Amino acid sequence: MSREPSRTVPRAPRARSRTAAVLAALAAVATLSGAVPAPGSGHGAPVRYVALGDSGAAAPGVPEQIDARCARSDHNYPSLVAGRLRPAAFTDVTCSGATTTDLGDARHGQFQALSKRTTLVTLTIGGNDVGFAGIVTKCTALGLFHPGGAYCQAAYTRGGTDELETRIAGAEPRIAGALHAIHRLAPHARVLLVGYLRLVPLDHRGCRPRELFGDGDLAYLDAFERNLNEMFRRTARANGAVFVDDHPASAHHDICRPSGVRWSEGLIPTSSAIPFHPNALGERAMAERVLAAAGR
């Protein structure tokens, strides 16, 4: 906003400017939630690696972006894993906005990249199935105008039922189905279900304006993250996959940590990434845990 040097800018325009910035940041998250996925292209055997999943794996905003349609980076965790493994074949079909339904879509489904020759599969999925973009948008909007309250928790638990718990329960069979399909299409592959990084601080202390959640909503959002993470663990164990648990490892790298320490960006990023998604450090940390789980 421009200012005349001899005049004081009134508070109302500043408030409108901040609100506009918040809405623009939230629009970036919401836009990616509707992105369209792109089509895919024994011990001692050459590694043939296929990476599947959503924006947690695609790394939107992280340099360099190599697929505008899917907002995919060449420094996302699959690319970093492939750089270390040097596989005989590597196909990355991760796509921002992907859901479990998109994986098997007949026209653009990511499963088309799988084959009987595939030996390693990573999958990061589920955030869009539970409506992640809508959740952070709603909780931010309510917190913006009610900073000391817990209006988001009240909105999602109205009537005595926790809507977010219901969403997690609804996503569980869809993720199980995705894992079953991967085993069927790539029967010789080691399958890694890769979880998401922690966003909310452990101590539930906010860091305005990096996030604008209501102070009373931080514990609720933390519980949502933990419940989602536990669902991933349970589903992987029951369906022949290895769960790569990034949530505890990122406990001291949440959005309220300083630049250079945090692995995910907040509402208005200061590193190249989109709001509430991994930055380059986060993708690198995810890659290290995948490599460990892959036995390298």
Protein backbone atom coordinates (compact mmCIF):
# COMPACT_ATOMS: atom_id res chain seq x y z
CA MET A 1 0.00 0.00 0.00
CA SER A 2 1.38 3.45 -0.90
CA ARG A 3 1.61 6.24 1.72
CA GLU A 4 1.98 9.99 1.46
CA PRO A 5 5.01 10.98 3.56
CA SER A 6 3.21 13.71 5.50
CA ARG A 7 0.07 11.79 6.39
CA THR A 8 -0.67 8.87 8.74
CA VAL A 9 -2.31 5.85 7.19
CA PRO A 10 -5.58 5.18 9.05
CA ARG A 11 -6.09 1.81 10.72
CA ALA A 12 -9.02 0.71 8.58
CA PRO A 13 -7.05 0.54 5.31
CA ARG A 14 -4.30 -1.43 7.07
CA ALA A 15 -6.87 -3.91 8.31
CA ARG A 16 -8.34 -4.24 4.84
CA SER A 17 -4.84 -4.77 3.41
CA ARG A 18 -4.08 -7.53 5.92
CA THR A 19 -7.41 -9.19 5.23
CA ALA A 20 -6.71 -9.07 1.48
CA ALA A 21 -3.31 -10.71 1.99
CA VAL A 22 -4.89 -13.46 4.09
CA LEU A 23 -7.56 -14.13 1.49
CA ALA A 24 -4.94 -14.27 -1.28
CA ALA A 25 -2.87 -16.80 0.66
CA LEU A 26 -5.90 -18.97 1.36
CA ALA A 27 -6.87 -18.81 -2.31
CA ALA A 28 -3.51 -20.38 -3.20
CA VAL A 29 -4.26 -23.37 -0.96
CA ALA A 30 -7.83 -23.72 -2.20
CA THR A 31 -6.77 -23.54 -5.85
CA LEU A 32 -4.36 -26.45 -5.46
CA SER A 33 -7.01 -28.56 -3.75
CA GLY A 34 -8.83 -28.66 -7.08
CA ALA A 35 -5.85 -29.37 -9.33
CA VAL A 36 -6.17 -32.22 -11.81
CA PRO A 37 -3.70 -35.11 -11.47
CA ALA A 38 -1.40 -35.85 -14.35
CA PRO A 39 -1.17 -39.22 -16.11
CA GLY A 40 1.69 -41.55 -15.41
CA SER A 41 4.13 -42.41 -17.76
CA GLY A 42 13.84 -59.09 -5.41
CA HIS A 43 16.82 -58.40 -3.64
CA GLY A 44 19.71 -57.02 -5.69
CA ALA A 45 17.38 -56.23 -8.58
CA PRO A 46 17.48 -52.75 -10.15
CA VAL A 47 15.22 -50.28 -8.35
CA ARG A 48 12.25 -49.13 -10.41
CA TYR A 49 10.64 -46.37 -8.42
CA VAL A 50 7.18 -44.83 -8.85
CA ALA A 51 6.08 -41.85 -6.73
CA LEU A 52 2.35 -41.29 -6.21
CA GLY A 53 0.46 -38.69 -4.23
CA ASP A 54 -0.68 -35.14 -3.62
CA SER A 55 0.92 -31.78 -2.86
CA GLY A 56 2.73 -33.12 0.20
CA ALA A 57 4.83 -35.09 -2.27
CA ALA A 58 4.65 -32.76 -5.30
CA ALA A 59 6.01 -29.75 -3.33
CA PRO A 60 4.15 -26.83 -4.94
CA GLY A 61 6.15 -23.62 -4.91
CA VAL A 62 9.47 -25.30 -4.10
CA PRO A 63 12.06 -24.50 -6.81
CA GLU A 64 12.28 -25.54 -9.51
CA GLN A 65 8.70 -26.15 -10.60
CA ILE A 66 8.79 -28.60 -13.52
CA ASP A 67 5.09 -29.31 -14.01
CA ALA A 68 2.77 -26.30 -13.85
CA ARG A 69 -0.34 -28.43 -14.11
CA CYS A 70 0.48 -30.44 -11.00
CA ALA A 71 2.66 -27.81 -9.28
CA ARG A 72 5.46 -30.37 -9.00
CA SER A 73 9.04 -29.57 -8.00
CA ASP A 74 12.25 -31.23 -9.10
CA HIS A 75 13.30 -30.98 -5.43
CA ASN A 76 10.29 -32.76 -3.98
CA TYR A 77 11.05 -35.73 -1.77
CA PRO A 78 10.58 -38.32 -4.58
CA SER A 79 13.18 -36.56 -6.75
CA LEU A 80 15.60 -36.33 -3.84
CA VAL A 81 15.09 -40.02 -3.05
CA ALA A 82 15.67 -40.92 -6.69
CA GLY A 83 18.82 -38.80 -6.74
CA ARG A 84 20.25 -40.88 -3.90
CA LEU A 85 18.99 -44.29 -5.02
CA ARG A 86 19.88 -43.79 -8.69
CA PRO A 87 17.10 -46.21 -9.76
CA ALA A 88 17.03 -47.96 -13.10
CA ALA A 89 13.67 -46.23 -13.67
CA PHE A 90 11.93 -43.35 -11.91
CA THR A 91 8.42 -42.05 -12.59
CA ASP A 92 7.01 -39.18 -10.54
CA VAL A 93 3.29 -38.62 -11.09
CA THR A 94 2.61 -36.77 -7.83
CA CYS A 95 0.09 -34.00 -8.35
CA SER A 96 -1.16 -31.22 -6.12
CA GLY A 97 -4.84 -31.63 -5.38
CA ALA A 98 -4.87 -35.40 -5.86
CA THR A 99 -7.32 -37.56 -3.90
CA THR A 100 -7.55 -41.33 -3.60
CA THR A 101 -10.16 -41.27 -6.38
CA ASP A 102 -7.71 -39.56 -8.74
CA LEU A 103 -5.13 -42.31 -8.27
CA GLY A 104 -7.22 -44.83 -10.19
CA ASP A 105 -8.96 -42.49 -12.60
CA ALA A 106 -9.32 -44.26 -15.95
CA ARG A 107 -8.07 -41.29 -17.96
CA HIS A 108 -5.49 -39.51 -15.80
CA GLY A 109 -4.93 -41.89 -12.91
CA GLN A 110 -1.53 -42.12 -11.31
CA PHE A 111 -1.82 -45.91 -11.07
CA GLN A 112 -1.07 -46.06 -14.81
CA ALA A 113 2.60 -45.55 -13.90
CA LEU A 114 2.71 -48.86 -12.01
CA SER A 115 3.71 -52.20 -13.49
CA LYS A 116 4.87 -55.66 -12.47
CA ARG A 117 8.44 -54.37 -12.87
CA THR A 118 7.99 -51.66 -10.22
CA THR A 119 10.02 -52.41 -7.09
CA LEU A 120 9.45 -49.30 -4.95
CA VAL A 121 6.34 -47.14 -4.50
CA THR A 122 5.87 -44.09 -2.29
CA LEU A 123 2.39 -42.73 -1.65
CA THR A 124 1.37 -39.53 0.14
CA ILE A 125 -2.41 -39.15 0.03
CA GLY A 126 -5.42 -38.40 2.19
CA GLY A 127 -5.12 -34.69 2.93
CA ASN A 128 -7.52 -33.74 0.17
CA ASP A 129 -9.84 -36.63 1.02
CA VAL A 130 -10.45 -35.06 4.44
CA GLY A 131 -10.70 -31.55 2.98
CA PHE A 132 -7.42 -30.08 4.27
CA ALA A 133 -7.66 -26.86 2.23
CA GLY A 134 -11.17 -26.15 3.42
CA ILE A 135 -10.25 -26.82 7.04
CA VAL A 136 -7.33 -24.38 7.14
CA THR A 137 -9.37 -21.81 5.22
CA LYS A 138 -12.31 -22.02 7.59
CA CYS A 139 -10.20 -22.06 10.75
CA THR A 140 -8.13 -19.12 9.52
CA ALA A 141 -11.20 -17.07 8.63
CA LEU A 142 -12.79 -17.71 12.03
CA GLY A 143 -9.55 -17.04 13.88
CA LEU A 144 -8.94 -13.82 11.98
CA PHE A 145 -12.02 -12.26 13.53
CA HIS A 146 -11.99 -14.21 16.84
CA PRO A 147 -8.28 -14.53 17.77
CA GLY A 148 -8.89 -15.62 21.36
CA GLY A 149 -11.64 -18.13 20.74
CA ALA A 150 -12.21 -21.68 19.59
CA TYR A 151 -14.80 -20.94 16.93
CA CYS A 152 -13.40 -23.47 14.46
CA GLN A 153 -13.70 -26.33 16.96
CA ALA A 154 -17.24 -25.20 17.72
CA ALA A 155 -18.11 -25.18 14.02
CA TYR A 156 -16.79 -28.72 13.43
CA THR A 157 -18.29 -30.24 16.58
CA ARG A 158 -21.73 -28.67 16.40
CA GLY A 159 -24.44 -31.16 17.32
CA GLY A 160 -22.14 -33.36 19.40
CA THR A 161 -20.36 -35.06 16.50
CA ASP A 162 -16.80 -34.22 15.48
CA GLU A 163 -16.99 -33.74 11.71
CA LEU A 164 -13.22 -34.01 11.27
CA GLU A 165 -13.12 -37.38 13.03
CA THR A 166 -15.90 -38.53 10.72
CA ARG A 167 -13.89 -37.40 7.70
CA ILE A 168 -10.82 -39.31 8.87
CA ALA A 169 -12.89 -42.45 9.37
CA GLY A 170 -14.36 -42.03 5.88
CA ALA A 171 -10.93 -41.68 4.29
CA GLU A 172 -9.52 -44.84 5.91
CA PRO A 173 -11.17 -47.41 3.59
CA ARG A 174 -10.25 -45.32 0.55
CA ILE A 175 -6.57 -45.31 1.49
CA ALA A 176 -6.76 -49.03 2.22
CA GLY A 177 -8.26 -49.54 -1.22
CA ALA A 178 -5.45 -47.53 -2.79
CA LEU A 179 -2.84 -49.72 -1.09
CA HIS A 180 -4.62 -52.88 -2.25
CA ALA A 181 -4.62 -51.55 -5.82
CA ILE A 182 -0.89 -50.77 -5.66
CA HIS A 183 -0.11 -54.31 -4.49
CA ARG A 184 -2.23 -55.72 -7.31
CA LEU A 185 -0.63 -53.57 -10.02
CA ALA A 186 2.92 -53.73 -8.65
CA PRO A 187 3.05 -57.07 -6.83
CA HIS A 188 6.84 -57.02 -6.35
CA ALA A 189 7.07 -53.50 -4.97
CA ARG A 190 7.91 -52.32 -1.48
CA VAL A 191 5.14 -49.83 -0.68
CA LEU A 192 5.77 -46.85 1.59
CA LEU A 193 2.84 -44.76 2.83
CA VAL A 194 4.49 -41.43 3.59
CA GLY A 195 2.76 -39.21 6.15
CA TYR A 196 2.56 -35.43 6.47
CA LEU A 197 4.71 -33.02 8.45
CA ARG A 198 3.45 -31.46 11.68
CA LEU A 199 2.04 -27.96 11.27
CA VAL A 200 0.73 -26.99 14.73
CA PRO A 201 3.23 -26.25 17.55
CA LEU A 202 3.44 -28.85 20.30
CA ASP A 203 2.85 -26.21 22.99
CA HIS A 204 -0.24 -24.89 21.16
CA ARG A 205 1.16 -21.36 21.23
CA GLY A 206 0.40 -19.47 18.06
CA CYS A 207 2.64 -17.18 16.05
CA ARG A 208 0.48 -14.48 14.50
CA PRO A 209 0.57 -13.39 11.73
CA ARG A 210 2.29 -16.56 10.45
CA GLU A 211 -0.97 -18.30 11.31
CA LEU A 212 -4.29 -16.77 12.29
CA PHE A 213 -6.01 -19.69 14.01
CA GLY A 214 -7.93 -18.91 17.18
CA ASP A 215 -5.82 -19.55 20.25
CA GLY A 216 -8.40 -22.01 21.50
CA ASP A 217 -8.39 -23.92 18.21
CA LEU A 218 -4.69 -24.86 18.20
CA ALA A 219 -5.15 -27.86 20.51
CA TYR A 220 -8.11 -29.02 18.42
CA LEU A 221 -6.12 -28.79 15.19
CA ASP A 222 -3.23 -30.62 16.82
CA ALA A 223 -5.58 -33.45 17.80
CA PHE A 224 -6.87 -33.58 14.21
CA GLU A 225 -3.30 -33.93 12.90
CA ARG A 226 -2.51 -36.69 15.39
CA ASN A 227 -5.71 -38.60 14.65
CA LEU A 228 -5.04 -38.42 10.92
CA ASN A 229 -1.50 -39.64 11.47
CA GLU A 230 -2.67 -42.56 13.59
CA MET A 231 -5.15 -43.54 10.89
CA PHE A 232 -2.29 -43.67 8.37
CA ARG A 233 -0.25 -45.86 10.70
CA ARG A 234 -3.14 -48.26 11.27
CA THR A 235 -4.06 -48.46 7.59
CA ALA A 236 -0.49 -49.09 6.43
CA ARG A 237 -0.01 -51.87 9.00
CA ALA A 238 -3.24 -53.58 7.97
CA ASN A 239 -2.55 -53.38 4.24
CA GLY A 240 1.00 -54.52 3.68
CA ALA A 241 2.68 -51.10 3.57
CA VAL A 242 5.42 -49.44 5.60
CA PHE A 243 4.32 -46.19 7.25
CA VAL A 244 6.92 -43.41 7.03
CA ASP A 245 5.89 -41.33 10.04
CA ASP A 246 6.97 -37.74 9.46
CA HIS A 247 4.77 -36.27 12.18
CA PRO A 248 6.91 -36.89 15.31
CA ALA A 249 10.16 -36.12 13.46
CA SER A 250 8.87 -32.65 12.56
CA ALA A 251 7.71 -31.80 16.09
CA HIS A 252 10.28 -29.01 16.45
CA HIS A 253 9.98 -27.83 12.86
CA ASP A 254 6.38 -26.58 12.81
CA ILE A 255 5.15 -23.41 11.10
CA CYS A 256 5.98 -21.25 14.12
CA ARG A 257 9.70 -22.06 14.07
CA PRO A 258 12.21 -19.57 12.61
CA SER A 259 13.18 -19.60 8.97
CA GLY A 260 15.83 -22.24 8.41
CA VAL A 261 14.32 -24.42 11.16
CA ARG A 262 10.71 -24.86 10.10
CA TRP A 263 9.90 -27.51 7.53
CA SER A 264 6.48 -26.12 6.59
CA GLU A 265 5.36 -22.61 5.75
CA GLY A 266 2.56 -20.69 7.39
CA LEU A 267 -0.17 -18.48 6.00
CA ILE A 268 2.18 -16.05 4.24
CA PRO A 269 5.32 -18.04 3.33
CA THR A 270 8.78 -16.57 3.71
CA SER A 271 10.40 -19.48 1.87
CA SER A 272 9.46 -20.81 -1.55
CA ALA A 273 6.37 -22.94 -0.91
CA ILE A 274 2.64 -22.44 -0.68
CA PRO A 275 0.82 -21.86 2.63
CA PHE A 276 0.69 -24.81 5.06
CA HIS A 277 2.88 -27.04 2.87
CA PRO A 278 6.45 -28.33 3.09
CA ASN A 279 9.29 -26.04 2.04
CA ALA A 280 12.58 -27.30 0.60
CA LEU A 281 13.88 -28.24 4.07
CA GLY A 282 10.72 -30.21 4.73
CA GLU A 283 10.94 -32.13 1.48
CA ARG A 284 14.58 -32.91 2.22
CA ALA A 285 13.67 -34.22 5.69
CA MET A 286 10.90 -36.37 4.19
CA ALA A 287 13.37 -37.79 1.67
CA GLU A 288 15.77 -38.82 4.44
CA ARG A 289 13.03 -40.74 6.24
CA VAL A 290 11.91 -42.43 3.03
CA LEU A 291 15.48 -43.51 2.32
CA ALA A 292 15.76 -44.95 5.81
CA ALA A 293 12.50 -46.85 5.38
CA ALA A 294 13.60 -48.10 1.98
CA GLY A 295 16.65 -49.67 3.63
CA ARG A 296 19.26 -47.28 2.29
